[in-house]
C-alpha cells in the first residue's frame, strides 16, 4: 500500500512511521529473537 500511494521517503514520511513501529517491536528484549526472524523475513521480501 505504501509503494502504491507514497513516493517520498524519509524519517518524516509514512515509511518513517513504519520503521518506528518496527523499532518499537524490536525494543522488546524478551521476544527479540522471534521478532528478528520476522524482520529478516521482511528483509527477504524487500530484497
ModelCIF file with pLDDT and N, C-alpha, C, O atoms, coordinates in Angstrom:
data_MODEL
#
_entry.id   MODEL 
#
_entity.id                         1 
_entity.type                       polymer 
_entity.pdbx_number_of_molecules   1 
#
_entity_poly.entity_id                      1 
_entity_poly.type                           'polypeptide(L)' 
_entity_poly.nstd_linkage                   no 
_entity_poly.nstd_monomer                   no 
_entity_poly.pdbx_seq_one_letter_code       
;(UNK)(UNK)(UNK)(UNK)(UNK)(UNK)(UNK)(UNK)(UNK)(UNK)(UNK)(UNK)(UNK)(UNK)(UNK)(UNK)
(UNK)(UNK)(UNK)(UNK)(UNK)(UNK)(UNK)(UNK)(UNK)(UNK)(UNK)(UNK)(UNK)(UNK)(UNK)(UNK)
(UNK)(UNK)(UNK)(UNK)(UNK)(UNK)(UNK)(UNK)(UNK)(UNK)(UNK)(UNK)(UNK)(UNK)(UNK)
;
_entity_poly.pdbx_seq_one_letter_code_can   XXXXXXXXXXXXXXXXXXXXXXXXXXXXXXXXXXXXXXXXXXXXXXX 
_entity_poly.pdbx_strand_id                 A 
#
loop_
_entity_poly_seq.entity_id 
_entity_poly_seq.num 
_entity_poly_seq.mon_id 
_entity_poly_seq.hetero 
1 1  UNK n 
1 2  UNK n 
1 3  UNK n 
1 4  UNK n 
1 5  UNK n 
1 6  UNK n 
1 7  UNK n 
1 8  UNK n 
1 9  UNK n 
1 10 UNK n 
1 11 UNK n 
1 12 UNK n 
1 13 UNK n 
1 14 UNK n 
1 15 UNK n 
1 16 UNK n 
1 17 UNK n 
1 18 UNK n 
1 19 UNK n 
1 20 UNK n 
1 21 UNK n 
1 22 UNK n 
1 23 UNK n 
1 24 UNK n 
1 25 UNK n 
1 26 UNK n 
1 27 UNK n 
1 28 UNK n 
1 29 UNK n 
1 30 UNK n 
1 31 UNK n 
1 32 UNK n 
1 33 UNK n 
1 34 UNK n 
1 35 UNK n 
1 36 UNK n 
1 37 UNK n 
1 38 UNK n 
1 39 UNK n 
1 40 UNK n 
1 41 UNK n 
1 42 UNK n 
1 43 UNK n 
1 44 UNK n 
1 45 UNK n 
1 46 UNK n 
1 47 UNK n 
#
_struct_asym.id          A 
_struct_asym.entity_id   1 
#
loop_
_ma_qa_metric.id 
_ma_qa_metric.mode 
_ma_qa_metric.name 
_ma_qa_metric.software_group_id 
_ma_qa_metric.type 
1 global pLDDT . pLDDT 
2 local  pLDDT . pLDDT 
#
_ma_qa_metric_global.metric_id      1 
_ma_qa_metric_global.metric_value   91.06 
_ma_qa_metric_global.model_id       1 
_ma_qa_metric_global.ordinal_id     1 
#
loop_
_ma_qa_metric_local.label_asym_id 
_ma_qa_metric_local.label_comp_id 
_ma_qa_metric_local.label_seq_id 
_ma_qa_metric_local.metric_id 
_ma_qa_metric_local.metric_value 
_ma_qa_metric_local.model_id 
_ma_qa_metric_local.ordinal_id 
A UNK 1  2 92.00 1 1  
A UNK 2  2 91.00 1 2  
A UNK 3  2 91.00 1 3  
A UNK 4  2 91.00 1 4  
A UNK 5  2 93.00 1 5  
A UNK 6  2 91.00 1 6  
A UNK 7  2 91.00 1 7  
A UNK 8  2 89.00 1 8  
A UNK 9  2 90.00 1 9  
A UNK 10 2 87.00 1 10 
A UNK 11 2 87.00 1 11 
A UNK 12 2 90.00 1 12 
A UNK 13 2 92.00 1 13 
A UNK 14 2 92.00 1 14 
A UNK 15 2 93.00 1 15 
A UNK 16 2 93.00 1 16 
A UNK 17 2 93.00 1 17 
A UNK 18 2 93.00 1 18 
A UNK 19 2 94.00 1 19 
A UNK 20 2 94.00 1 20 
A UNK 21 2 93.00 1 21 
A UNK 22 2 93.00 1 22 
A UNK 23 2 93.00 1 23 
A UNK 24 2 93.00 1 24 
A UNK 25 2 91.00 1 25 
A UNK 26 2 92.00 1 26 
A UNK 27 2 93.00 1 27 
A UNK 28 2 91.00 1 28 
A UNK 29 2 90.00 1 29 
A UNK 30 2 90.00 1 30 
A UNK 31 2 91.00 1 31 
A UNK 32 2 90.00 1 32 
A UNK 33 2 87.00 1 33 
A UNK 34 2 89.00 1 34 
A UNK 35 2 91.00 1 35 
A UNK 36 2 90.00 1 36 
A UNK 37 2 89.00 1 37 
A UNK 38 2 91.00 1 38 
A UNK 39 2 92.00 1 39 
A UNK 40 2 90.00 1 40 
A UNK 41 2 90.00 1 41 
A UNK 42 2 93.00 1 42 
A UNK 43 2 92.00 1 43 
A UNK 44 2 89.00 1 44 
A UNK 45 2 91.00 1 45 
A UNK 46 2 92.00 1 46 
A UNK 47 2 87.00 1 47 
#
loop_
_atom_site.group_PDB 
_atom_site.id 
_atom_site.type_symbol 
_atom_site.label_atom_id 
_atom_site.label_alt_id 
_atom_site.label_comp_id 
_atom_site.label_asym_id 
_atom_site.label_entity_id 
_atom_site.label_seq_id 
_atom_site.pdbx_PDB_ins_code 
_atom_site.Cartn_x 
_atom_site.Cartn_y 
_atom_site.Cartn_z 
_atom_site.occupancy 
_atom_site.B_iso_or_equiv 
_atom_site.pdbx_formal_charge 
_atom_site.auth_seq_id 
_atom_site.auth_comp_id 
_atom_site.auth_asym_id 
_atom_site.auth_atom_id 
_atom_site.pdbx_PDB_model_num 
ATOM 1   N N  . UNK A 1 1  ? 0.831  -1.212  0.000  1.00 92.00 ? 1  UNK A N  1 
ATOM 2   C CA . UNK A 1 1  ? 0.000  0.000   0.000  1.00 92.00 ? 1  UNK A CA 1 
ATOM 3   C C  . UNK A 1 1  ? 0.865  1.260   0.000  1.00 92.00 ? 1  UNK A C  1 
ATOM 4   O O  . UNK A 1 1  ? 0.574  2.231   -0.699 1.00 92.00 ? 1  UNK A O  1 
ATOM 5   N N  . UNK A 1 2  ? 1.939  1.223   0.804  1.00 91.00 ? 2  UNK A N  1 
ATOM 6   C CA . UNK A 1 2  ? 2.850  2.375   0.806  1.00 91.00 ? 2  UNK A CA 1 
ATOM 7   C C  . UNK A 1 2  ? 3.481  2.577   -0.563 1.00 91.00 ? 2  UNK A C  1 
ATOM 8   O O  . UNK A 1 2  ? 3.559  3.704   -1.051 1.00 91.00 ? 2  UNK A O  1 
ATOM 9   N N  . UNK A 1 3  ? 3.931  1.487   -1.186 1.00 91.00 ? 3  UNK A N  1 
ATOM 10  C CA . UNK A 1 3  ? 4.551  1.590   -2.507 1.00 91.00 ? 3  UNK A CA 1 
ATOM 11  C C  . UNK A 1 3  ? 3.565  2.131   -3.537 1.00 91.00 ? 3  UNK A C  1 
ATOM 12  O O  . UNK A 1 3  ? 3.952  2.870   -4.443 1.00 91.00 ? 3  UNK A O  1 
ATOM 13  N N  . UNK A 1 4  ? 2.301  1.766   -3.401 1.00 91.00 ? 4  UNK A N  1 
ATOM 14  C CA . UNK A 1 4  ? 1.285  2.237   -4.342 1.00 91.00 ? 4  UNK A CA 1 
ATOM 15  C C  . UNK A 1 4  ? 0.961  3.716   -4.164 1.00 91.00 ? 4  UNK A C  1 
ATOM 16  O O  . UNK A 1 4  ? 0.689  4.412   -5.143 1.00 91.00 ? 4  UNK A O  1 
ATOM 17  N N  . UNK A 1 5  ? 0.988  4.206   -2.916 1.00 93.00 ? 5  UNK A N  1 
ATOM 18  C CA . UNK A 1 5  ? 0.492  5.547   -2.635 1.00 93.00 ? 5  UNK A CA 1 
ATOM 19  C C  . UNK A 1 5  ? 1.560  6.602   -2.388 1.00 93.00 ? 5  UNK A C  1 
ATOM 20  O O  . UNK A 1 5  ? 1.351  7.772   -2.709 1.00 93.00 ? 5  UNK A O  1 
ATOM 21  N N  . UNK A 1 6  ? 2.706  6.212   -1.822 1.00 91.00 ? 6  UNK A N  1 
ATOM 22  C CA . UNK A 1 6  ? 3.667  7.216   -1.362 1.00 91.00 ? 6  UNK A CA 1 
ATOM 23  C C  . UNK A 1 6  ? 5.028  7.033   -2.022 1.00 91.00 ? 6  UNK A C  1 
ATOM 24  O O  . UNK A 1 6  ? 5.604  5.946   -2.017 1.00 91.00 ? 6  UNK A O  1 
ATOM 25  N N  . UNK A 1 7  ? 5.514  8.110   -2.581 1.00 91.00 ? 7  UNK A N  1 
ATOM 26  C CA . UNK A 1 7  ? 6.805  8.086   -3.276 1.00 91.00 ? 7  UNK A CA 1 
ATOM 27  C C  . UNK A 1 7  ? 7.924  8.692   -2.436 1.00 91.00 ? 7  UNK A C  1 
ATOM 28  O O  . UNK A 1 7  ? 9.093  8.366   -2.639 1.00 91.00 ? 7  UNK A O  1 
ATOM 29  N N  . UNK A 1 8  ? 7.579  9.574   -1.494 1.00 89.00 ? 8  UNK A N  1 
ATOM 30  C CA . UNK A 1 8  ? 8.581  10.291  -0.714 1.00 89.00 ? 8  UNK A CA 1 
ATOM 31  C C  . UNK A 1 8  ? 9.026  9.433   0.467  1.00 89.00 ? 8  UNK A C  1 
ATOM 32  O O  . UNK A 1 8  ? 8.209  8.920   1.231  1.00 89.00 ? 8  UNK A O  1 
ATOM 33  N N  . UNK A 1 9  ? 10.356 9.292   0.595  1.00 90.00 ? 9  UNK A N  1 
ATOM 34  C CA . UNK A 1 9  ? 10.913 8.516   1.699  1.00 90.00 ? 9  UNK A CA 1 
ATOM 35  C C  . UNK A 1 9  ? 11.588 9.458   2.693  1.00 90.00 ? 9  UNK A C  1 
ATOM 36  O O  . UNK A 1 9  ? 11.891 10.607  2.374  1.00 90.00 ? 9  UNK A O  1 
ATOM 37  N N  . UNK A 1 10 ? 11.813 8.957   3.885  1.00 87.00 ? 10 UNK A N  1 
ATOM 38  C CA . UNK A 1 10 ? 12.483 9.741   4.918  1.00 87.00 ? 10 UNK A CA 1 
ATOM 39  C C  . UNK A 1 10 ? 11.856 9.486   6.265  1.00 87.00 ? 10 UNK A C  1 
ATOM 40  O O  . UNK A 1 10 ? 10.802 8.857   6.363  1.00 87.00 ? 10 UNK A O  1 
ATOM 41  N N  . UNK A 1 11 ? 12.500 9.971   7.298  1.00 87.00 ? 11 UNK A N  1 
ATOM 42  C CA . UNK A 1 11 ? 12.029 9.681   8.655  1.00 87.00 ? 11 UNK A CA 1 
ATOM 43  C C  . UNK A 1 11 ? 10.682 10.339  8.962  1.00 87.00 ? 11 UNK A C  1 
ATOM 44  O O  . UNK A 1 11 ? 9.951  9.867   9.833  1.00 87.00 ? 11 UNK A O  1 
ATOM 45  N N  . UNK A 1 12 ? 10.350 11.415  8.261  1.00 90.00 ? 12 UNK A N  1 
ATOM 46  C CA . UNK A 1 12 ? 9.063  12.080  8.489  1.00 90.00 ? 12 UNK A CA 1 
ATOM 47  C C  . UNK A 1 12 ? 7.962  11.588  7.557  1.00 90.00 ? 12 UNK A C  1 
ATOM 48  O O  . UNK A 1 12 ? 6.851  12.117  7.573  1.00 90.00 ? 12 UNK A O  1 
ATOM 49  N N  . UNK A 1 13 ? 8.262  10.592  6.757  1.00 92.00 ? 13 UNK A N  1 
ATOM 50  C CA . UNK A 1 13 ? 7.280  10.071  5.803  1.00 92.00 ? 13 UNK A CA 1 
ATOM 51  C C  . UNK A 1 13 ? 6.522  8.888   6.418  1.00 92.00 ? 13 UNK A C  1 
ATOM 52  O O  . UNK A 1 13 ? 6.771  8.498   7.559  1.00 92.00 ? 13 UNK A O  1 
ATOM 53  N N  . UNK A 1 14 ? 5.613  8.340   5.651  1.00 92.00 ? 14 UNK A N  1 
ATOM 54  C CA . UNK A 1 14 ? 4.888  7.134   6.082  1.00 92.00 ? 14 UNK A CA 1 
ATOM 55  C C  . UNK A 1 14 ? 5.849  5.963   6.264  1.00 92.00 ? 14 UNK A C  1 
ATOM 56  O O  . UNK A 1 14 ? 5.608  5.087   7.094  1.00 92.00 ? 14 UNK A O  1 
ATOM 57  N N  . UNK A 1 15 ? 6.937  5.945   5.491  1.00 93.00 ? 15 UNK A N  1 
ATOM 58  C CA . UNK A 1 15 ? 7.942  4.893   5.639  1.00 93.00 ? 15 UNK A CA 1 
ATOM 59  C C  . UNK A 1 15 ? 8.648  5.023   6.990  1.00 93.00 ? 15 UNK A C  1 
ATOM 60  O O  . UNK A 1 15 ? 8.987  4.021   7.619  1.00 93.00 ? 15 UNK A O  1 
ATOM 61  N N  . UNK A 1 16 ? 8.864  6.255   7.427  1.00 93.00 ? 16 UNK A N  1 
ATOM 62  C CA . UNK A 1 16 ? 9.450  6.501   8.740  1.00 93.00 ? 16 UNK A CA 1 
ATOM 63  C C  . UNK A 1 16 ? 8.553  6.007   9.860  1.00 93.00 ? 16 UNK A C  1 
ATOM 64  O O  . UNK A 1 16 ? 9.031  5.489   10.869 1.00 93.00 ? 16 UNK A O  1 
ATOM 65  N N  . UNK A 1 17 ? 7.244  6.171   9.675  1.00 93.00 ? 17 UNK A N  1 
ATOM 66  C CA . UNK A 1 17 ? 6.286  5.664   10.668 1.00 93.00 ? 17 UNK A CA 1 
ATOM 67  C C  . UNK A 1 17 ? 6.378  4.140   10.754 1.00 93.00 ? 17 UNK A C  1 
ATOM 68  O O  . UNK A 1 17 ? 6.387  3.574   11.847 1.00 93.00 ? 17 UNK A O  1 
ATOM 69  N N  . UNK A 1 18 ? 6.444  3.490   9.608  1.00 93.00 ? 18 UNK A N  1 
ATOM 70  C CA . UNK A 1 18 ? 6.584  2.032   9.591  1.00 93.00 ? 18 UNK A CA 1 
ATOM 71  C C  . UNK A 1 18 ? 7.867  1.610   10.304 1.00 93.00 ? 18 UNK A C  1 
ATOM 72  O O  . UNK A 1 18 ? 7.852  0.652   11.077 1.00 93.00 ? 18 UNK A O  1 
ATOM 73  N N  . UNK A 1 19 ? 8.963  2.300   10.058 1.00 94.00 ? 19 UNK A N  1 
ATOM 74  C CA . UNK A 1 19 ? 10.229 1.970   10.713 1.00 94.00 ? 19 UNK A CA 1 
ATOM 75  C C  . UNK A 1 19 ? 10.157 2.180   12.222 1.00 94.00 ? 19 UNK A C  1 
ATOM 76  O O  . UNK A 1 19 ? 10.759 1.417   12.977 1.00 94.00 ? 19 UNK A O  1 
ATOM 77  N N  . UNK A 1 20 ? 9.435  3.195   12.668 1.00 94.00 ? 20 UNK A N  1 
ATOM 78  C CA . UNK A 1 20 ? 9.272  3.428   14.108 1.00 94.00 ? 20 UNK A CA 1 
ATOM 79  C C  . UNK A 1 20 ? 8.488  2.296   14.759 1.00 94.00 ? 20 UNK A C  1 
ATOM 80  O O  . UNK A 1 20 ? 8.794  1.885   15.879 1.00 94.00 ? 20 UNK A O  1 
ATOM 81  N N  . UNK A 1 21 ? 7.489  1.798   14.063 1.00 93.00 ? 21 UNK A N  1 
ATOM 82  C CA . UNK A 1 21 ? 6.712  0.662   14.583 1.00 93.00 ? 21 UNK A CA 1 
ATOM 83  C C  . UNK A 1 21 ? 7.610  -0.562  14.716 1.00 93.00 ? 21 UNK A C  1 
ATOM 84  O O  . UNK A 1 21 ? 7.576  -1.253  15.734 1.00 93.00 ? 21 UNK A O  1 
ATOM 85  N N  . UNK A 1 22 ? 8.407  -0.829  13.695 1.00 93.00 ? 22 UNK A N  1 
ATOM 86  C CA . UNK A 1 22 ? 9.320  -1.975  13.736 1.00 93.00 ? 22 UNK A CA 1 
ATOM 87  C C  . UNK A 1 22 ? 10.347 -1.779  14.846 1.00 93.00 ? 22 UNK A C  1 
ATOM 88  O O  . UNK A 1 22 ? 10.689 -2.733  15.545 1.00 93.00 ? 22 UNK A O  1 
ATOM 89  N N  . UNK A 1 23 ? 10.841 -0.560  15.016 1.00 93.00 ? 23 UNK A N  1 
ATOM 90  C CA . UNK A 1 23 ? 11.779 -0.263  16.102 1.00 93.00 ? 23 UNK A CA 1 
ATOM 91  C C  . UNK A 1 23 ? 11.164 -0.611  17.453 1.00 93.00 ? 23 UNK A C  1 
ATOM 92  O O  . UNK A 1 23 ? 11.813 -1.235  18.293 1.00 93.00 ? 23 UNK A O  1 
ATOM 93  N N  . UNK A 1 24 ? 9.923  -0.211  17.659 1.00 93.00 ? 24 UNK A N  1 
ATOM 94  C CA . UNK A 1 24 ? 9.248  -0.496  18.927 1.00 93.00 ? 24 UNK A CA 1 
ATOM 95  C C  . UNK A 1 24 ? 9.086  -1.987  19.160 1.00 93.00 ? 24 UNK A C  1 
ATOM 96  O O  . UNK A 1 24 ? 9.196  -2.455  20.294 1.00 93.00 ? 24 UNK A O  1 
ATOM 97  N N  . UNK A 1 25 ? 8.830  -2.729  18.109 1.00 91.00 ? 25 UNK A N  1 
ATOM 98  C CA . UNK A 1 25 ? 8.706  -4.181  18.228 1.00 91.00 ? 25 UNK A CA 1 
ATOM 99  C C  . UNK A 1 25 ? 10.060 -4.794  18.596 1.00 91.00 ? 25 UNK A C  1 
ATOM 100 O O  . UNK A 1 25 ? 10.130 -5.681  19.448 1.00 91.00 ? 25 UNK A O  1 
ATOM 101 N N  . UNK A 1 26 ? 11.121 -4.329  17.963 1.00 92.00 ? 26 UNK A N  1 
ATOM 102 C CA . UNK A 1 26 ? 12.457 -4.868  18.238 1.00 92.00 ? 26 UNK A CA 1 
ATOM 103 C C  . UNK A 1 26 ? 12.958 -4.500  19.630 1.00 92.00 ? 26 UNK A C  1 
ATOM 104 O O  . UNK A 1 26 ? 13.821 -5.189  20.175 1.00 92.00 ? 26 UNK A O  1 
ATOM 105 N N  . UNK A 1 27 ? 12.440 -3.444  20.203 1.00 93.00 ? 27 UNK A N  1 
ATOM 106 C CA . UNK A 1 27 ? 12.919 -2.995  21.513 1.00 93.00 ? 27 UNK A CA 1 
ATOM 107 C C  . UNK A 1 27 ? 12.442 -3.877  22.660 1.00 93.00 ? 27 UNK A C  1 
ATOM 108 O O  . UNK A 1 27 ? 12.816 -3.643  23.809 1.00 93.00 ? 27 UNK A O  1 
ATOM 109 N N  . UNK A 1 28 ? 11.639 -4.868  22.374 1.00 91.00 ? 28 UNK A N  1 
ATOM 110 C CA . UNK A 1 28 ? 11.166 -5.800  23.404 1.00 91.00 ? 28 UNK A CA 1 
ATOM 111 C C  . UNK A 1 28 ? 12.155 -6.959  23.506 1.00 91.00 ? 28 UNK A C  1 
ATOM 112 O O  . UNK A 1 28 ? 12.084 -7.927  22.748 1.00 91.00 ? 28 UNK A O  1 
ATOM 113 N N  . UNK A 1 29 ? 13.070 -6.837  24.454 1.00 90.00 ? 29 UNK A N  1 
ATOM 114 C CA . UNK A 1 29 ? 14.186 -7.775  24.577 1.00 90.00 ? 29 UNK A CA 1 
ATOM 115 C C  . UNK A 1 29 ? 13.742 -9.226  24.721 1.00 90.00 ? 29 UNK A C  1 
ATOM 116 O O  . UNK A 1 29 ? 14.349 -10.116 24.127 1.00 90.00 ? 29 UNK A O  1 
ATOM 117 N N  . UNK A 1 30 ? 12.715 -9.472  25.485 1.00 90.00 ? 30 UNK A N  1 
ATOM 118 C CA . UNK A 1 30 ? 12.291 -10.849 25.783 1.00 90.00 ? 30 UNK A CA 1 
ATOM 119 C C  . UNK A 1 30 ? 11.898 -11.629 24.534 1.00 90.00 ? 30 UNK A C  1 
ATOM 120 O O  . UNK A 1 30 ? 12.054 -12.849 24.491 1.00 90.00 ? 30 UNK A O  1 
ATOM 121 N N  . UNK A 1 31 ? 11.398 -10.946 23.531 1.00 91.00 ? 31 UNK A N  1 
ATOM 122 C CA . UNK A 1 31 ? 10.973 -11.634 22.305 1.00 91.00 ? 31 UNK A CA 1 
ATOM 123 C C  . UNK A 1 31 ? 11.761 -11.167 21.080 1.00 91.00 ? 31 UNK A C  1 
ATOM 124 O O  . UNK A 1 31 ? 11.303 -11.303 19.945 1.00 91.00 ? 31 UNK A O  1 
ATOM 125 N N  . UNK A 1 32 ? 12.953 -10.614 21.325 1.00 90.00 ? 32 UNK A N  1 
ATOM 126 C CA . UNK A 1 32 ? 13.744 -10.079 20.229 1.00 90.00 ? 32 UNK A CA 1 
ATOM 127 C C  . UNK A 1 32 ? 14.057 -11.138 19.182 1.00 90.00 ? 32 UNK A C  1 
ATOM 128 O O  . UNK A 1 32 ? 13.938 -10.867 17.987 1.00 90.00 ? 32 UNK A O  1 
ATOM 129 N N  . UNK A 1 33 ? 14.453 -12.332 19.597 1.00 87.00 ? 33 UNK A N  1 
ATOM 130 C CA . UNK A 1 33 ? 14.845 -13.343 18.608 1.00 87.00 ? 33 UNK A CA 1 
ATOM 131 C C  . UNK A 1 33 ? 13.663 -13.738 17.722 1.00 87.00 ? 33 UNK A C  1 
ATOM 132 O O  . UNK A 1 33 ? 13.846 -13.983 16.530 1.00 87.00 ? 33 UNK A O  1 
ATOM 133 N N  . UNK A 1 34 ? 12.469 -13.801 18.279 1.00 89.00 ? 34 UNK A N  1 
ATOM 134 C CA . UNK A 1 34 ? 11.281 -14.086 17.458 1.00 89.00 ? 34 UNK A CA 1 
ATOM 135 C C  . UNK A 1 34 ? 11.017 -12.941 16.483 1.00 89.00 ? 34 UNK A C  1 
ATOM 136 O O  . UNK A 1 34 ? 10.723 -13.164 15.308 1.00 89.00 ? 34 UNK A O  1 
ATOM 137 N N  . UNK A 1 35 ? 11.125 -11.724 16.986 1.00 91.00 ? 35 UNK A N  1 
ATOM 138 C CA . UNK A 1 35 ? 10.898 -10.563 16.131 1.00 91.00 ? 35 UNK A CA 1 
ATOM 139 C C  . UNK A 1 35 ? 12.000 -10.410 15.088 1.00 91.00 ? 35 UNK A C  1 
ATOM 140 O O  . UNK A 1 35 ? 11.754 -9.930  13.981 1.00 91.00 ? 35 UNK A O  1 
ATOM 141 N N  . UNK A 1 36 ? 13.214 -10.821 15.445 1.00 90.00 ? 36 UNK A N  1 
ATOM 142 C CA . UNK A 1 36 ? 14.317 -10.792 14.492 1.00 90.00 ? 36 UNK A CA 1 
ATOM 143 C C  . UNK A 1 36 ? 13.989 -11.651 13.274 1.00 90.00 ? 36 UNK A C  1 
ATOM 144 O O  . UNK A 1 36 ? 14.250 -11.251 12.140 1.00 90.00 ? 36 UNK A O  1 
ATOM 145 N N  . UNK A 1 37 ? 13.426 -12.812 13.504 1.00 89.00 ? 37 UNK A N  1 
ATOM 146 C CA . UNK A 1 37 ? 13.058 -13.705 12.391 1.00 89.00 ? 37 UNK A CA 1 
ATOM 147 C C  . UNK A 1 37 ? 12.018 -13.051 11.484 1.00 89.00 ? 37 UNK A C  1 
ATOM 148 O O  . UNK A 1 37 ? 12.095 -13.164 10.260 1.00 89.00 ? 37 UNK A O  1 
ATOM 149 N N  . UNK A 1 38 ? 11.054 -12.372 12.084 1.00 91.00 ? 38 UNK A N  1 
ATOM 150 C CA . UNK A 1 38 ? 10.024 -11.687 11.289 1.00 91.00 ? 38 UNK A CA 1 
ATOM 151 C C  . UNK A 1 38 ? 10.653 -10.575 10.457 1.00 91.00 ? 38 UNK A C  1 
ATOM 152 O O  . UNK A 1 38 ? 10.350 -10.433 9.272  1.00 91.00 ? 38 UNK A O  1 
ATOM 153 N N  . UNK A 1 39 ? 11.523 -9.792  11.074 1.00 92.00 ? 39 UNK A N  1 
ATOM 154 C CA . UNK A 1 39 ? 12.153 -8.677  10.353 1.00 92.00 ? 39 UNK A CA 1 
ATOM 155 C C  . UNK A 1 39 ? 13.072 -9.202  9.250  1.00 92.00 ? 39 UNK A C  1 
ATOM 156 O O  . UNK A 1 39 ? 13.143 -8.612  8.171  1.00 92.00 ? 39 UNK A O  1 
ATOM 157 N N  . UNK A 1 40 ? 13.767 -10.292 9.508  1.00 90.00 ? 40 UNK A N  1 
ATOM 158 C CA . UNK A 1 40 ? 14.624 -10.883 8.462  1.00 90.00 ? 40 UNK A CA 1 
ATOM 159 C C  . UNK A 1 40 ? 13.765 -11.392 7.307  1.00 90.00 ? 40 UNK A C  1 
ATOM 160 O O  . UNK A 1 40 ? 14.138 -11.225 6.146  1.00 90.00 ? 40 UNK A O  1 
ATOM 161 N N  . UNK A 1 41 ? 12.635 -12.004 7.601  1.00 90.00 ? 41 UNK A N  1 
ATOM 162 C CA . UNK A 1 41 ? 11.720 -12.418 6.526  1.00 90.00 ? 41 UNK A CA 1 
ATOM 163 C C  . UNK A 1 41 ? 11.221 -11.210 5.745  1.00 90.00 ? 41 UNK A C  1 
ATOM 164 O O  . UNK A 1 41 ? 11.064 -11.271 4.526  1.00 90.00 ? 41 UNK A O  1 
ATOM 165 N N  . UNK A 1 42 ? 10.975 -10.121 6.449  1.00 93.00 ? 42 UNK A N  1 
ATOM 166 C CA . UNK A 1 42 ? 10.557 -8.888  5.793  1.00 93.00 ? 42 UNK A CA 1 
ATOM 167 C C  . UNK A 1 42 ? 11.682 -8.343  4.910  1.00 93.00 ? 42 UNK A C  1 
ATOM 168 O O  . UNK A 1 42 ? 11.427 -7.864  3.805  1.00 93.00 ? 42 UNK A O  1 
ATOM 169 N N  . UNK A 1 43 ? 12.927 -8.414  5.396  1.00 92.00 ? 43 UNK A N  1 
ATOM 170 C CA . UNK A 1 43 ? 14.070 -8.009  4.565  1.00 92.00 ? 43 UNK A CA 1 
ATOM 171 C C  . UNK A 1 43 ? 14.151 -8.863  3.308  1.00 92.00 ? 43 UNK A C  1 
ATOM 172 O O  . UNK A 1 43 ? 14.443 -8.358  2.224  1.00 92.00 ? 43 UNK A O  1 
ATOM 173 N N  . UNK A 1 44 ? 13.895 -10.142 3.457  1.00 89.00 ? 44 UNK A N  1 
ATOM 174 C CA . UNK A 1 44 ? 13.894 -11.040 2.306  1.00 89.00 ? 44 UNK A CA 1 
ATOM 175 C C  . UNK A 1 44 ? 12.833 -10.596 1.296  1.00 89.00 ? 44 UNK A C  1 
ATOM 176 O O  . UNK A 1 44 ? 13.091 -10.570 0.093  1.00 89.00 ? 44 UNK A O  1 
ATOM 177 N N  . UNK A 1 45 ? 11.668 -10.255 1.777  1.00 91.00 ? 45 UNK A N  1 
ATOM 178 C CA . UNK A 1 45 ? 10.594 -9.742  0.913  1.00 91.00 ? 45 UNK A CA 1 
ATOM 179 C C  . UNK A 1 45 ? 11.051 -8.458  0.215  1.00 91.00 ? 45 UNK A C  1 
ATOM 180 O O  . UNK A 1 45 ? 10.873 -8.309  -0.993 1.00 91.00 ? 45 UNK A O  1 
ATOM 181 N N  . UNK A 1 46 ? 11.639 -7.534  0.975  1.00 92.00 ? 46 UNK A N  1 
ATOM 182 C CA . UNK A 1 46 ? 12.084 -6.262  0.397  1.00 92.00 ? 46 UNK A CA 1 
ATOM 183 C C  . UNK A 1 46 ? 13.224 -6.446  -0.588 1.00 92.00 ? 46 UNK A C  1 
ATOM 184 O O  . UNK A 1 46 ? 13.350 -5.690  -1.551 1.00 92.00 ? 46 UNK A O  1 
ATOM 185 N N  . UNK A 1 47 ? 14.050 -7.447  -0.348 1.00 87.00 ? 47 UNK A N  1 
ATOM 186 C CA . UNK A 1 47 ? 15.212 -7.695  -1.193 1.00 87.00 ? 47 UNK A CA 1 
ATOM 187 C C  . UNK A 1 47 ? 14.796 -7.910  -2.652 1.00 87.00 ? 47 UNK A C  1 
ATOM 188 O O  . UNK A 1 47 ? 15.649 -8.133  -3.510 1.00 87.00 ? 47 UNK A O  1 
#
